[in-house]
C-alpha atoms as a PDB file:
ATOM      1  CA  MET A   1      88.045 153.386  96.588  1.00  0.00           C
ATOM      2  CA  ASN A   2      88.304 153.178  93.082  1.00  0.00           C
ATOM      3  CA  SER A   3      87.006 150.932  91.825  1.00  0.00           C
ATOM      4  CA  LYS A   4      90.748 149.898  89.384  1.00  0.00           C
ATOM      5  CA  LEU A   5      91.615 149.497  92.877  1.00  0.00           C
ATOM      6  CA  GLN A   6      89.514 147.353  94.102  1.00  0.00           C
ATOM      7  CA  LYS A   7      89.136 145.348  91.108  1.00  0.00           C
ATOM      8  CA  VAL A   8      93.128 144.337  91.365  1.00  0.00           C
ATOM      9  CA  ILE A   9      92.298 143.598  95.397  1.00  0.00           C
ATOM     10  CA  ARG A  10      90.058 141.271  94.728  1.00  0.00           C
ATOM     11  CA  GLU A  11      92.246 139.568  91.512  1.00  0.00           C
ATOM     12  CA  LEU A  12      95.495 139.781  93.801  1.00  0.00           C
ATOM     13  CA  GLU A  13      93.285 138.026  96.322  1.00  0.00           C
ATOM     14  CA  ARG A  14      92.300 135.486  94.367  1.00  0.00           C
ATOM     15  CA  THR A  15      95.345 134.335  92.768  1.00  0.00           C
ATOM     16  CA  THR A  16      97.027 134.356  96.353  1.00  0.00           C
ATOM     17  CA  ALA A  17      93.999 131.503  97.483  1.00  0.00           C
ATOM     18  CA  LYS A  18      94.879 129.880  94.420  1.00  0.00           C
ATOM     19  CA  ILE A  19      98.677 130.182  94.683  1.00  0.00           C
ATOM     20  CA  ALA A  20      98.370 128.596  98.445  1.00  0.00           C
ATOM     21  CA  GLU A  21      95.816 125.600  96.744  1.00  0.00           C
ATOM     22  CA  LEU A  22      98.280 124.665  94.120  1.00  0.00           C
ATOM     23  CA  GLN A  23     100.595 124.559  96.585  1.00  0.00           C
ATOM     24  CA  ALA A  24      99.414 122.416  98.386  1.00  0.00           C
ATOM     25  CA  LEU A  25      98.219 120.092  95.991  1.00  0.00           C
ATOM     26  CA  LEU A  26     102.382 120.200  95.105  1.00  0.00           C
ATOM     27  CA  PRO A  27     103.601 117.033  97.293  1.00  0.00           C
ATOM     28  CA  GLU A  28     100.823 114.749  96.382  1.00  0.00           C
ATOM     29  CA  LEU A  29     101.447 115.687  92.893  1.00  0.00           C
ATOM     30  CA  GLU A  30     105.082 114.684  93.681  1.00  0.00           C
ATOM     31  CA  ARG A  31     104.246 111.508  95.901  1.00  0.00           C
ATOM     32  CA  GLN A  32     101.760 110.216  92.475  1.00  0.00           C
ATOM     33  CA  LYS A  33     104.546 110.892  89.863  1.00  0.00           C
ATOM     34  CA  THR A  34     107.920 108.790  91.943  1.00  0.00           C
ATOM     35  CA  GLU A  35     104.885 106.426  92.462  1.00  0.00           C
ATOM     36  CA  LEU A  36     103.924 105.959  89.149  1.00  0.00           C
ATOM     37  CA  GLU A  37     107.901 105.956  88.530  1.00  0.00           C
ATOM     38  CA  ASN A  38     108.693 102.957  90.869  1.00  0.00           C
ATOM     39  CA  THR A  39     105.941 101.311  89.731  1.00  0.00           C
ATOM     40  CA  GLU A  40     107.529 101.326  85.769  1.00  0.00           C
ATOM     41  CA  ILE A  41     110.565 100.996  87.852  1.00  0.00           C
ATOM     42  CA  ILE A  42     109.558  97.205  88.878  1.00  0.00           C
ATOM     43  CA  LYS A  43     107.528  96.507  86.111  1.00  0.00           C
ATOM     44  CA  VAL A  44     110.182  96.760  83.417  1.00  0.00           C
ATOM     45  CA  PHE A  45     112.212  94.641  86.608  1.00  0.00           C
ATOM     46  CA  ARG A  46     109.677  91.934  86.262  1.00  0.00           C
ATOM     47  CA  SER A  47     109.925  91.930  82.655  1.00  0.00           C
ATOM     48  CA  ALA A  48     113.588  91.611  82.065  1.00  0.00           C
ATOM     49  CA  ASP A  49     113.822  87.914  84.349  1.00  0.00           C
ATOM     50  CA  VAL A  50     116.290  88.629  86.326  1.00  0.00           C
ATOM     51  CA  ALA A  51     118.039  87.574  89.206  1.00  0.00           C
ATOM     52  CA  PRO A  52     118.274  90.237  92.028  1.00  0.00           C
ATOM     53  CA  ALA A  53     121.899  89.778  91.973  1.00  0.00           C
ATOM     54  CA  ASP A  54     122.211  90.311  88.873  1.00  0.00           C
ATOM     55  CA  PHE A  55     120.329  93.807  88.411  1.00  0.00           C
ATOM     56  CA  ALA A  56     122.657  94.513  92.024  1.00  0.00           C
ATOM     57  CA  ALA A  57     125.558  93.803  89.571  1.00  0.00           C
ATOM     58  CA  PHE A  58     123.863  95.685  86.580  1.00  0.00           C
ATOM     59  CA  ILE A  59     123.215  98.546  88.723  1.00  0.00           C
ATOM     60  CA  ALA A  60     126.130  98.671  91.086  1.00  0.00           C
ATOM     61  CA  ALA A  61     127.920  98.799  86.627  1.00  0.00           C
ATOM     62  CA  TYR A  62     125.815 101.390  85.332  1.00  0.00           C
ATOM     63  CA  LYS A  63     126.436 103.687  88.313  1.00  0.00           C
ATOM     64  CA  ALA A  64     129.977 104.012  87.929  1.00  0.00           C
ATOM     65  CA  GLN A  65     129.636 104.672  84.157  1.00  0.00           C
ATOM     66  CA  ALA A  66     127.904 106.962  84.617  1.00  0.00           C
ATOM     67  CA  THR A  67     130.472 108.627  87.178  1.00  0.00           C
ATOM     68  CA  GLY A  68     133.282 107.665  85.080  1.00  0.00           C
ATOM     69  CA  GLY A  69     134.448 106.234  87.736  1.00  0.00           C
ATOM     70  CA  ALA A  70     134.699 101.796  89.320  1.00  0.00           C
ATOM     71  CA  PRO A  71     132.366 100.528  91.457  1.00  0.00           C
ATOM     72  CA  ASP A  72     134.168  99.795  94.665  1.00  0.00           C
ATOM     73  CA  ALA A  73     135.240  95.678  94.753  1.00  0.00           C
ATOM     74  CA  ASP A  74     134.893  95.668  98.369  1.00  0.00           C
ATOM     75  CA  THR A  75     131.351  95.786  97.941  1.00  0.00           C
ATOM     76  CA  ALA A  76     129.347  96.006  94.328  1.00  0.00           C
ATOM     77  CA  PRO A  77     128.485  92.650  93.294  1.00  0.00           C
ATOM     78  CA  GLN A  78     130.314  91.225  90.038  1.00  0.00           C
ATOM     79  CA  ALA A  79     128.960  92.176  86.784  1.00  0.00           C
ATOM     80  CA  PRO A  80     127.857  89.821  84.789  1.00  0.00           C
ATOM     81  CA  GLY A  81     130.202  91.062  80.585  1.00  0.00           C
ATOM     82  CA  TYR A  82     126.744  92.437  79.263  1.00  0.00           C
ATOM     83  CA  LEU A  83     127.131  95.428  81.084  1.00  0.00           C
ATOM     84  CA  ASN A  84     131.089  96.335  79.393  1.00  0.00           C
ATOM     85  CA  ALA A  85     129.451  96.805  76.548  1.00  0.00           C
ATOM     86  CA  ALA A  86     128.708 100.943  74.806  1.00  0.00           C
ATOM     87  CA  PRO A  87     126.747 103.207  77.090  1.00  0.00           C
ATOM     88  CA  LEU A  88     123.207 102.405  77.900  1.00  0.00           C
ATOM     89  CA  GLN A  89     120.351 104.846  76.346  1.00  0.00           C
ATOM     90  CA  ASN A  90     116.476 105.684  77.864  1.00  0.00           C
ATOM     91  CA  GLN A  91     115.399 102.931  75.546  1.00  0.00           C
ATOM     92  CA  MET A  92     111.358 103.146  77.639  1.00  0.00           C
ATOM     93  CA  GLU A  93     109.165 104.945  75.341  1.00  0.00           C
ATOM     94  CA  GLU A  94     106.727 107.779  77.680  1.00  0.00           C
ATOM     95  CA  PRO A  95     103.612 105.623  78.977  1.00  0.00           C
ATOM     96  CA  GLU A  96     100.525 107.196  77.183  1.00  0.00           C
ATOM     97  CA  ASP A  97      97.763 108.968  79.282  1.00  0.00           C
ATOM     98  CA  ASP A  98      94.692 105.983  80.014  1.00  0.00           C
END
């Protein structure tokens, strides 16, 4: 068999194996990312020293504002007055790698 063809076949096999390895690693990396994001959310919530009911009202009001609708008065908790201010901007900075 042609040596160039053999070389391409070997490279194809190596590449296929590497792709399979990376695809197997992907779900674990996604899980870790979600876990770290959740940890950041918890840190922000705890540092804000907000009562859980106020936080739930904040989230309901923010979702309503983001979608352009109003929260359902029957199910959404009453939002504090500060939520009627200008839309929130993402003010969190990217964490530095440790």
